[in-house]
Amino acid sequence: MNWMNKSRSNTVLGLTLDGGVLDAVQLRRSNGGVEVVKSLQAPLTLDPLRNEAELVGREVRKLLSAAGINEKRVVVGVPVGWILALLTVLPQIEETDLSSFLELEAERGFPCNVEELQMASQLHASPSGRRYASQIGVPRAHLTRLEAVLKAADLSPTSFSLGATALPGVQAQGAREQVVVVVGFSKVDMLITSGSGLLVIRALEGALDSEGAEERIQSELVAREIRVSLGQLPNEVREQIRKLTIVGSGQLARQLVEDIRPRADKLGLAVDQITHFTEPHFGLAIHGKGPVTPALSLAAQFLSGNKPAFEFLPPRPGYWKQISSRYSSKRLVYAGGAATAVFLATASLFGYQQFQLSGLQSEWGKMKPKVTELDDLQVLIKKYRPWYDETLPSLNILRRVTEAFPEDGVVSAKMIEIRNVSAVSCTGTAGDNPSLLKTMDRLRSSKQVSDVRVDQIKGKSPMQFTLNFRWTEAP
């Protein structure tokens, strides 16, 4: 009800702070649709995570004021680069046990303490009926810093969500399984969706490359990331994905469409491009046919009254808690009487407490042997449970690769990919061929490494290479 009441307001500001660019769109609802009141795309000189929040907020406010944007209520798109995502196949369990199961999977799957993350989840099903859960986590420290930046910019956030999931056709009713690549002003994001939920979401680092003053998109890298991400999905889900949608209206998006079409054909994907809102979005016509951006999509979603698929706005104090803190001085009037009542109650309850403690100690003496036996069983369960692994195989692989590379930097790695803790792919650069061969020999010297081979070499000095090998953990 609170969400619906908030969404009845006529105007809202959609905003993203991603890739060093501020994208802001002020929308106003009218005549069954929405119109763009003001818009802004401007580079940021300060980083929201590294620089002082007060300084970043002042820069944001200065840019918004210069563009004539005075709206304070804002819906914010969380940068995809902040996100940790986990896709889990759900077994046949009771609904009452689902929450506990997802908590265990999150503790096992995320590379950090789950308590440090603001979590959101989504359940969906494949055509065969198998159920999946998408769990998305954003570091609470990042969200706290973002709130401080918005406060310094005199903005009031009403939602922190994923801008990519609000784009046209991504998770709307009737949406199909597809791969979506969002070409932004200075970044490229990718997500894979089923007809009922989000499967994969990633920020494609290195997809944009600058050659002098010209910026180019690395279509080969984007195609490779799509192929790898599809290969990690269950077969029954992968077989349903037949569409690749490129979202963006600039030259980079057009270049990506042209370059990636042959590679998409090999993957069985039909390529489509979305540049402008040609149809109603969340039931609202976009007047002016503005370019499709996450900021505009989030604002339109909010004004339509639709709830975002993933919400990360930290919980705020309840109404009564705010009232009690606001009028906390009133409690001091009753403090003396309350203290007297507590003292008298404590005197009468102390004896009764001692009586209870004596009885509980007697019961514990009877229970202690059984509890000790259960503790021993729990230790054995943790030792032999199939998902419990304390050998840190991924770190062992990375250590071995690090030891194989020379310290002088003549051979360096840019990307290391580990699949199923056995297949390892390493992409990097080498100053010359002999140095690369020595590095491969040092890898082969390890008992855990086998089948070392070079799949690709480009250039001569320096040369770009891609080598693969298999890792066998020692018994």
Foldseek 3Di string as FASTA:
>chain_A
DVLLVVLQAFKEKFWECPQQKIWIWIWGDDDQFIETPFIDIDGHPDDLVPDQLLVLLVVVLVRCVVRVHDAAEYAYADYQAQKDKDKAFDDPDDPVCVVVVVVVCCCLPDPDDQVQWQKDKDKDAFPVGTIMMMIMTGGPVSLVSVVSNSVSNNHDYPFYYHLVCLFPLNADQPRAWEKEWEDDPRWIKIWTAHNHGTDDIHTQPPQWDDDDPDIEGDLVSVLVVVVVVLVVDDPSSSVRYQEYEYAEDDPRSVVNQVVCCVSSVVSNYDYYYAFWPPDARLSHDYPPRDGTDSRVSVRRCSSSSHDHNTTRNDDDDDPVVVVCVVVVVVVVVCPVVVVVVVVVVCVVCVVVVVVVVVVVVVVCVVCVVVVVVVVVVVVVCLVPPPSRDDPPLVVVVVVQLVVLQDPVVQWDWDDWDQDPSWKIKTKTKHQADVNVVSSQVSSVVDPQKDDWDWDDWADGGTIITMIMITGDDDD
